[in-house]
Amino acid sequence: MDLDDQNLSGLNLRNADLRRAHLNGAVLRNADLRGAKLAKARLRQADLRGADLREADLTEADLRRAKHKGANFKKAVMTDVRGLE
C-alpha cells in the first residue's frame, strides 16, 4: 500500500492492517494507531508526533529520521525496528 507523503493526521487507524505499507514522509500526527499492524512498514521521515501506537506491531519497521516526540509506544512490539533513537 503506497501512502507516501499523505496527510493522515488525527485519523482513526486503530487495528489497521498496514503491514509493508509505504508511509515515507506521511504525516500521522495525533493519529490513533492502537493495535495497528505496521510490521515491515516504511515510515522514513514520517511525522508521528503525538500518535497513539499502544500495542501496535512495528516488527522490522523502518522509522529512520521519523519524528516521534510525544508518540505513545506503550506495549508496542518493537522487534528489530530501525531508526528509533
Protein backbone atom coordinates (compact mmCIF):
# COMPACT_ATOMS: atom_id res chain seq x y z
CA MET A 1 0.00 0.00 0.00
CA ASP A 2 1.55 3.31 -1.05
CA LEU A 3 0.72 6.14 1.32
CA ASP A 4 3.99 8.04 0.95
CA ASP A 5 3.68 11.75 1.79
CA GLN A 6 -0.03 11.50 2.66
CA ASN A 7 -1.59 13.58 5.43
CA LEU A 8 -3.25 11.11 7.81
CA SER A 9 -3.24 13.40 10.84
CA GLY A 10 -5.77 12.60 13.52
CA LEU A 11 -7.25 9.63 11.68
CA ASN A 12 -8.60 6.59 13.48
CA LEU A 13 -6.40 3.77 12.17
CA ARG A 14 -6.95 1.57 15.19
CA ASN A 15 -6.18 -2.09 14.40
CA ALA A 16 -5.49 -1.20 10.75
CA ASP A 17 -3.52 -3.68 8.69
CA LEU A 18 -0.63 -1.59 7.36
CA ARG A 19 1.93 -4.35 7.07
CA ARG A 20 4.57 -3.48 4.48
CA ALA A 21 2.84 -0.14 3.82
CA HIS A 22 4.87 2.69 2.34
CA LEU A 23 4.37 5.65 4.68
CA ASN A 24 7.60 7.53 3.98
CA GLY A 25 7.10 11.22 4.73
CA ALA A 26 3.49 10.63 5.80
CA VAL A 27 2.00 12.91 8.43
CA LEU A 28 0.40 10.82 11.18
CA ARG A 29 0.29 13.48 13.90
CA ASN A 30 -2.13 12.55 16.68
CA ALA A 31 -3.36 9.52 14.69
CA ASP A 32 -4.89 6.62 16.60
CA LEU A 33 -2.77 3.62 15.62
CA ARG A 34 -3.52 1.49 18.67
CA GLY A 35 -3.09 -2.17 17.81
CA ALA A 36 -2.19 -1.36 14.19
CA LYS A 37 -0.17 -3.90 12.25
CA LEU A 38 2.85 -1.99 10.94
CA ALA A 39 5.31 -4.87 10.57
CA LYS A 40 7.88 -4.12 7.87
CA ALA A 41 6.23 -0.75 7.15
CA ARG A 42 8.37 2.03 5.74
CA LEU A 43 7.96 5.15 7.86
CA ARG A 44 11.11 7.05 6.92
CA GLN A 45 10.77 10.75 7.75
CA ALA A 46 7.16 10.19 8.85
CA ASP A 47 5.68 12.60 11.38
CA LEU A 48 4.37 10.50 14.29
CA ARG A 49 4.31 13.30 16.87
CA GLY A 50 1.52 12.69 19.35
CA ALA A 51 0.43 9.45 17.63
CA ASP A 52 -1.00 6.67 19.78
CA LEU A 53 0.82 3.44 18.89
CA ARG A 54 -0.02 1.47 22.02
CA GLU A 55 0.11 -2.27 21.35
CA ALA A 56 0.96 -1.70 17.66
CA ASP A 57 3.17 -4.23 15.92
CA LEU A 58 6.19 -2.41 14.49
CA THR A 59 8.32 -5.52 13.90
CA GLU A 60 11.10 -4.65 11.44
CA ALA A 61 9.53 -1.26 10.65
CA ASP A 62 11.82 1.43 9.24
CA LEU A 63 11.48 4.67 11.21
CA ARG A 64 14.74 6.31 10.17
CA ARG A 65 14.52 10.09 10.61
CA ALA A 66 10.88 9.84 11.74
CA LYS A 67 9.64 12.48 14.17
CA HIS A 68 8.12 10.75 17.17
CA LYS A 69 8.16 13.23 20.06
CA GLY A 70 5.12 12.62 22.24
CA ALA A 71 4.17 9.38 20.47
CA ASN A 72 2.93 6.63 22.76
CA PHE A 73 4.66 3.28 22.12
CA LYS A 74 3.47 1.60 25.33
CA LYS A 75 3.32 -2.20 24.91
CA ALA A 76 4.14 -1.88 21.20
CA VAL A 77 6.09 -4.73 19.61
CA MET A 78 9.40 -3.12 18.61
CA THR A 79 11.45 -6.14 17.47
CA ASP A 80 14.21 -5.10 15.04
CA VAL A 81 12.78 -1.60 14.47
CA ARG A 82 15.22 0.59 12.53
CA GLY A 83 15.80 4.25 13.30
CA LEU A 84 14.20 4.86 16.68
CA GLU A 85 16.82 6.60 18.74
